[in-house]
């Protein structure tokens, strides 16, 4: 038996489970871009009413929508019929994305400053 045969996985070994996709974190009251019934040509503004792990609830024009998936949710690609059973899609506003990137840059700079000061 060769060394490569020892390290080769068995044919009946279980495949690694794919890492579960998680949408961006949102909080109650946060403004998001909302696509009613997934119609991407008609974006609207909605406020998050129920943050969730895979779907969120939003309020748009005074109406509540309880099952709104993120626009990049991979389940929409594997199951296109899912779009017919949900209330809509959401994504972060451009403003929120820019704020998050600025915050990450500030945190990185702060970490670098703290690391430099730790040497002294």
Protein backbone atom coordinates (compact mmCIF):
# COMPACT_ATOMS: atom_id res chain seq x y z
CA UNK A 1 0.00 0.00 0.00
CA UNK A 2 1.46 3.38 -0.98
CA UNK A 3 1.51 6.56 1.09
CA UNK A 4 -0.95 8.23 -1.26
CA UNK A 5 -3.44 5.42 -0.84
CA UNK A 6 -3.44 5.94 2.94
CA UNK A 7 -4.31 9.63 2.68
CA UNK A 8 -6.90 9.22 -0.04
CA UNK A 9 -10.45 9.63 1.36
CA UNK A 10 -12.79 6.70 1.14
CA UNK A 11 -15.32 6.79 -1.69
CA UNK A 12 -18.19 6.41 0.77
CA UNK A 13 -16.94 9.15 3.14
CA UNK A 14 -19.53 11.83 3.74
CA UNK A 15 -18.99 15.01 1.78
CA UNK A 16 -18.26 18.14 3.74
CA UNK A 17 -21.36 20.20 4.29
CA UNK A 18 -21.27 23.56 2.55
CA UNK A 19 -20.93 26.53 4.82
CA UNK A 20 -24.35 28.05 5.51
CA UNK A 21 -24.81 31.44 3.90
CA UNK A 22 -25.86 34.23 6.24
CA UNK A 23 -27.26 37.56 5.12
CA UNK A 24 -25.91 40.87 6.43
CA UNK A 25 -26.98 41.71 9.98
CA UNK A 26 -29.80 44.23 10.33
CA UNK A 27 -31.52 45.79 13.30
CA UNK A 28 -35.05 46.96 14.01
CA UNK A 29 -35.71 50.30 12.33
CA UNK A 30 -32.86 50.01 9.84
CA UNK A 31 -33.69 51.23 6.36
CA UNK A 32 -33.27 48.69 3.56
CA UNK A 33 -34.01 48.60 -0.15
CA UNK A 34 -37.14 46.47 -0.65
CA UNK A 35 -38.31 44.74 -3.81
CA UNK A 36 -41.97 43.77 -3.46
CA UNK A 37 -42.47 40.22 -4.74
CA UNK A 38 -38.90 40.35 -6.05
CA UNK A 39 -39.62 42.88 -8.81
CA UNK A 40 -36.17 44.43 -9.08
CA UNK A 41 -37.25 47.17 -11.46
CA UNK A 42 -39.35 48.80 -8.70
CA UNK A 43 -37.20 49.25 -5.59
CA UNK A 44 -38.69 50.84 -2.53
CA UNK A 45 -37.58 51.87 0.93
CA UNK A 46 -38.61 49.78 3.93
CA UNK A 47 -37.81 49.63 7.62
CA UNK A 48 -36.84 46.39 9.31
CA UNK A 49 -39.50 45.31 11.81
CA UNK A 50 -38.32 41.76 12.54
CA UNK A 51 -34.66 40.84 12.07
CA UNK A 52 -34.12 37.16 11.44
CA UNK A 53 -31.41 34.67 10.60
CA UNK A 54 -32.57 33.81 7.08
CA UNK A 55 -35.51 36.15 6.43
CA UNK A 56 -36.57 39.50 7.83
CA UNK A 57 -39.83 41.35 8.29
CA UNK A 58 -40.19 44.86 6.91
CA UNK A 59 -42.70 47.70 6.83
CA UNK A 60 -43.17 49.35 3.45
CA UNK A 61 -45.77 52.09 2.90
CA UNK A 62 -47.51 51.15 6.13
CA UNK A 63 -47.87 47.48 5.15
CA UNK A 64 -45.99 44.74 6.96
CA UNK A 65 -44.25 41.95 5.08
CA UNK A 66 -43.10 38.98 7.11
CA UNK A 67 -40.95 36.87 4.82
CA UNK A 68 -38.40 38.92 2.95
CA UNK A 69 -35.21 37.22 1.77
CA UNK A 70 -31.88 38.87 0.99
CA UNK A 71 -31.36 39.48 -2.70
CA UNK A 72 -28.22 37.28 -2.72
CA UNK A 73 -29.77 34.33 -0.88
CA UNK A 74 -28.46 31.21 -2.67
CA UNK A 75 -31.79 29.43 -2.14
CA UNK A 76 -33.26 31.68 -4.83
CA UNK A 77 -30.83 30.23 -7.38
CA UNK A 78 -31.41 26.61 -6.41
CA UNK A 79 -35.18 27.04 -6.07
CA UNK A 80 -36.52 29.81 -8.36
CA UNK A 81 -40.11 28.93 -7.40
CA UNK A 82 -39.33 30.20 -3.90
CA UNK A 83 -39.77 33.76 -5.15
CA UNK A 84 -43.49 33.13 -5.64
CA UNK A 85 -43.97 32.15 -1.98
CA UNK A 86 -42.20 35.07 -0.28
CA UNK A 87 -43.19 38.70 0.23
CA UNK A 88 -40.12 40.18 -1.41
CA UNK A 89 -36.39 40.72 -1.44
CA UNK A 90 -34.16 43.14 0.39
CA UNK A 91 -30.63 44.51 0.23
CA UNK A 92 -28.65 47.04 2.19
CA UNK A 93 -28.80 50.62 1.00
CA UNK A 94 -25.71 52.04 -0.66
CA UNK A 95 -25.35 54.38 2.30
CA UNK A 96 -25.25 51.50 4.80
CA UNK A 97 -22.68 49.63 2.70
CA UNK A 98 -20.46 52.73 2.57
CA UNK A 99 -20.80 53.28 6.32
CA UNK A 100 -19.87 49.67 7.05
CA UNK A 101 -16.78 49.90 4.84
CA UNK A 102 -15.70 53.14 6.55
CA UNK A 103 -16.20 51.56 9.96
CA UNK A 104 -14.11 48.53 8.98
CA UNK A 105 -11.33 50.84 7.75
CA UNK A 106 -11.42 52.85 10.99
CA UNK A 107 -11.32 49.66 13.06
CA UNK A 108 -8.33 48.40 11.06
CA UNK A 109 -6.50 51.69 11.62
CA UNK A 110 -7.32 51.59 15.33
CA UNK A 111 -6.01 48.01 15.58
CA UNK A 112 -2.78 49.09 13.88
CA UNK A 113 -2.38 52.03 16.28
CA UNK A 114 -3.03 49.81 19.31
CA UNK A 115 -0.53 47.22 18.03
CA UNK A 116 2.10 49.94 17.53
CA UNK A 117 1.48 51.33 21.03
CA UNK A 118 1.70 47.87 22.59
CA UNK A 119 5.37 47.75 21.61
CA UNK A 120 6.19 50.65 23.93
